[in-house]
C-alpha atoms as a PDB file:
ATOM      1  CA  MET A   1      56.232 169.900 -13.813  1.00  0.00           C
ATOM      2  CA  LYS A   2      55.354 165.863 -13.938  1.00  0.00           C
ATOM      3  CA  ALA A   3      55.403 165.637 -10.268  1.00  0.00           C
ATOM      4  CA  LEU A   4      52.588 168.817 -10.411  1.00  0.00           C
ATOM      5  CA  LEU A   5      50.445 166.848 -13.273  1.00  0.00           C
ATOM      6  CA  ALA A   6      50.645 163.732 -10.658  1.00  0.00           C
ATOM      7  CA  ILE A   7      49.675 165.894  -7.899  1.00  0.00           C
ATOM      8  CA  VAL A   8      46.276 167.282  -9.842  1.00  0.00           C
ATOM      9  CA  ALA A   9      45.550 164.326 -11.224  1.00  0.00           C
ATOM     10  CA  SER A  10      45.438 162.714  -7.656  1.00  0.00           C
ATOM     11  CA  LEU A  11      43.282 165.345  -6.376  1.00  0.00           C
ATOM     12  CA  PHE A  12      41.030 164.976  -9.783  1.00  0.00           C
ATOM     13  CA  ILE A  13      40.515 161.532  -8.824  1.00  0.00           C
ATOM     14  CA  ALA A  14      40.221 162.020  -4.956  1.00  0.00           C
ATOM     15  CA  ALA A  15      37.306 164.129  -5.795  1.00  0.00           C
ATOM     16  CA  ASN A  16      35.588 162.205  -7.784  1.00  0.00           C
ATOM     17  CA  ALA A  17      35.895 159.184  -5.493  1.00  0.00           C
ATOM     18  CA  VAL A  18      34.297 161.361  -2.722  1.00  0.00           C
ATOM     19  CA  GLY A  19      31.294 163.029  -4.971  1.00  0.00           C
ATOM     20  CA  GLN A  20      30.343 159.094  -6.210  1.00  0.00           C
ATOM     21  CA  ASN A  21      29.883 158.173  -2.158  1.00  0.00           C
ATOM     22  CA  ASN A  22      27.968 161.419  -1.380  1.00  0.00           C
ATOM     23  CA  ARG A  23      25.176 160.520  -4.308  1.00  0.00           C
ATOM     24  CA  THR A  24      22.041 159.148  -3.275  1.00  0.00           C
ATOM     25  CA  GLU A  25      20.510 158.154  -6.291  1.00  0.00           C
ATOM     26  CA  THR A  26      18.592 155.475  -7.008  1.00  0.00           C
ATOM     27  CA  LYS A  27      19.950 152.749  -8.866  1.00  0.00           C
ATOM     28  CA  GLN A  28      17.805 151.811 -12.246  1.00  0.00           C
ATOM     29  CA  PRO A  29      17.711 148.450 -13.640  1.00  0.00           C
ATOM     30  CA  GLY A  30      20.114 148.006 -16.716  1.00  0.00           C
ATOM     31  CA  PRO A  31      19.595 145.809 -19.919  1.00  0.00           C
ATOM     32  CA  GLY A  32      18.150 142.155 -18.706  1.00  0.00           C
ATOM     33  CA  GLU A  33      17.399 143.331 -14.887  1.00  0.00           C
ATOM     34  CA  ALA A  34      14.548 143.139 -13.782  1.00  0.00           C
ATOM     35  CA  SER A  35      12.978 145.690 -11.259  1.00  0.00           C
ATOM     36  CA  PRO A  36      12.496 145.314  -7.766  1.00  0.00           C
ATOM     37  CA  GLN A  37       8.643 145.062  -7.941  1.00  0.00           C
ATOM     38  CA  THR A  38       8.850 142.392 -11.331  1.00  0.00           C
ATOM     39  CA  LYS A  39      10.831 140.186  -9.203  1.00  0.00           C
ATOM     40  CA  GLN A  40       8.843 139.953  -6.311  1.00  0.00           C
ATOM     41  CA  LYS A  41       5.352 139.214  -9.478  1.00  0.00           C
ATOM     42  CA  VAL A  42       7.847 136.527 -10.366  1.00  0.00           C
ATOM     43  CA  ASN A  43       8.655 134.701  -6.703  1.00  0.00           C
ATOM     44  CA  ASN A  44       4.743 135.834  -5.935  1.00  0.00           C
ATOM     45  CA  ALA A  45       3.977 133.833  -9.113  1.00  0.00           C
ATOM     46  CA  GLY A  46       6.493 130.905  -8.291  1.00  0.00           C
ATOM     47  CA  LEU A  47       5.340 130.508  -4.542  1.00  0.00           C
ATOM     48  CA  THR A  48       1.976 130.152  -5.554  1.00  0.00           C
ATOM     49  CA  GLY A  49       2.878 127.405  -8.245  1.00  0.00           C
ATOM     50  CA  LYS A  50       4.776 125.846  -5.478  1.00  0.00           C
ATOM     51  CA  VAL A  51       1.606 125.707  -3.061  1.00  0.00           C
ATOM     52  CA  LYS A  52      -0.696 124.259  -5.821  1.00  0.00           C
ATOM     53  CA  SER A  53       1.656 121.459  -6.781  1.00  0.00           C
ATOM     54  CA  ALA A  54       1.800 120.142  -3.165  1.00  0.00           C
ATOM     55  CA  LEU A  55      -1.615 120.491  -2.808  1.00  0.00           C
ATOM     56  CA  VAL A  56      -1.931 118.210  -5.707  1.00  0.00           C
ATOM     57  CA  ALA A  57       0.534 115.711  -4.613  1.00  0.00           C
ATOM     58  CA  ASP A  58      -1.292 115.033  -1.532  1.00  0.00           C
ATOM     59  CA  VAL A  59      -2.663 111.923  -1.947  1.00  0.00           C
ATOM     60  CA  GLY A  60      -4.811 112.727   0.412  1.00  0.00           C
ATOM     61  CA  LEU A  61      -6.732 115.822  -0.763  1.00  0.00           C
ATOM     62  CA  LYS A  62      -6.193 114.573  -4.548  1.00  0.00           C
ATOM     63  CA  THR A  63      -8.983 111.623  -3.845  1.00  0.00           C
ATOM     64  CA  LEU A  64     -11.204 113.911  -2.308  1.00  0.00           C
ATOM     65  CA  ARG A  65     -14.677 115.357  -4.370  1.00  0.00           C
ATOM     66  CA  GLY A  66     -15.817 118.632  -3.422  1.00  0.00           C
ATOM     67  CA  VAL A  67     -12.653 120.277  -2.949  1.00  0.00           C
ATOM     68  CA  ASN A  68     -12.090 123.349  -4.650  1.00  0.00           C
ATOM     69  CA  VAL A  69      -9.228 125.648  -3.799  1.00  0.00           C
ATOM     70  CA  ASP A  70      -7.596 128.248  -4.751  1.00  0.00           C
ATOM     71  CA  SER A  71      -4.632 130.191  -3.688  1.00  0.00           C
ATOM     72  CA  ASP A  72      -2.800 133.416  -4.117  1.00  0.00           C
ATOM     73  CA  THR A  73       0.626 135.023  -2.953  1.00  0.00           C
ATOM     74  CA  LYS A  74       1.886 138.410  -1.655  1.00  0.00           C
ATOM     75  CA  THR A  75       5.482 138.641  -0.241  1.00  0.00           C
ATOM     76  CA  GLY A  76       5.512 135.037   1.215  1.00  0.00           C
ATOM     77  CA  VAL A  77       1.847 135.274   2.687  1.00  0.00           C
ATOM     78  CA  VAL A  78      -0.548 132.333   0.673  1.00  0.00           C
ATOM     79  CA  THR A  79      -4.415 133.537   0.728  1.00  0.00           C
ATOM     80  CA  LEU A  80      -6.668 129.645   0.411  1.00  0.00           C
ATOM     81  CA  LYS A  81      -9.905 130.514  -1.362  1.00  0.00           C
ATOM     82  CA  GLY A  82     -12.689 128.126  -2.329  1.00  0.00           C
ATOM     83  CA  HIS A  83     -14.652 125.381  -0.814  1.00  0.00           C
ATOM     84  CA  VAL A  84     -14.065 121.864   1.006  1.00  0.00           C
ATOM     85  CA  ASP A  85     -15.587 118.811   2.401  1.00  0.00           C
ATOM     86  CA  SER A  86     -15.231 118.864   6.027  1.00  0.00           C
ATOM     87  CA  ALA A  87     -13.238 121.308   8.992  1.00  0.00           C
ATOM     88  CA  ASP A  88     -10.194 118.214   8.745  1.00  0.00           C
ATOM     89  CA  THR A  89      -9.578 118.629   5.103  1.00  0.00           C
ATOM     90  CA  LYS A  90      -9.685 122.870   5.388  1.00  0.00           C
ATOM     91  CA  SER A  91      -7.077 122.239   8.329  1.00  0.00           C
ATOM     92  CA  ARG A  92      -5.065 119.887   6.089  1.00  0.00           C
ATOM     93  CA  VAL A  93      -5.518 122.169   2.745  1.00  0.00           C
ATOM     94  CA  GLU A  94      -3.078 124.773   5.305  1.00  0.00           C
ATOM     95  CA  ALA A  95      -1.166 122.381   7.096  1.00  0.00           C
ATOM     96  CA  VAL A  96      -0.082 121.437   3.359  1.00  0.00           C
ATOM     97  CA  ALA A  97       0.888 125.244   2.119  1.00  0.00           C
ATOM     98  CA  LYS A  98       2.024 125.838   5.073  1.00  0.00           C
ATOM     99  CA  LYS A  99       5.329 123.252   4.533  1.00  0.00           C
ATOM    100  CA  VAL A 100       5.961 124.909   1.251  1.00  0.00           C
ATOM    101  CA  GLU A 101       9.500 126.411   1.313  1.00  0.00           C
ATOM    102  CA  GLY A 102       9.421 130.438   1.381  1.00  0.00           C
ATOM    103  CA  VAL A 103       5.683 130.246   2.853  1.00  0.00           C
ATOM    104  CA  LYS A 104       5.628 133.068   5.827  1.00  0.00           C
ATOM    105  CA  SER A 105       1.804 132.637   6.380  1.00  0.00           C
ATOM    106  CA  VAL A 106      -1.371 131.381   5.428  1.00  0.00           C
ATOM    107  CA  LYS A 107      -4.415 132.550   5.822  1.00  0.00           C
ATOM    108  CA  ASN A 108      -7.054 130.333   5.374  1.00  0.00           C
ATOM    109  CA  GLN A 109     -10.725 131.603   3.882  1.00  0.00           C
ATOM    110  CA  LEU A 110     -11.981 128.225   2.777  1.00  0.00           C
ATOM    111  CA  SER A 111     -15.393 127.659   3.780  1.00  0.00           C
ATOM    112  CA  ILE A 112     -17.027 124.255   4.467  1.00  0.00           C
ATOM    113  CA  ARG A 113     -19.772 122.765   1.719  1.00  0.00           C
ATOM    114  CA  LYS A 114     -20.624 119.486   1.613  1.00  0.00           C
ATOM    115  CA  PRO A 115     -20.428 117.245  -2.002  1.00  0.00           C
ATOM    116  CA  LYS A 116     -23.329 116.647  -3.761  1.00  0.00           C
ATOM    117  CA  SER A 117     -24.539 113.337  -3.577  1.00  0.00           C
END
């Protein structure tokens, strides 16, 4: 009788294990876990902050007047908007952004505007 009970229990456990492997349910975030969308938004915001910090830290860009740059990030792609004083500065801003860890590419939409005297 004990042997029969052990066999039935083993079959039940095996059937449960097979059933678990065949499920195609998507896992919902548990308590304290973020959804993939939330994680991506946090990553985007963090990368945007890193780019802005890098631009502020660049001594050559910090001392220029007439430079107004904003950046936004989506899945590692940084978009630069605003205006700068020259083509050289536009290229330099892009180069600084590209050096930031995690940046996959940069869309440089900066316009060139001479500063007011």
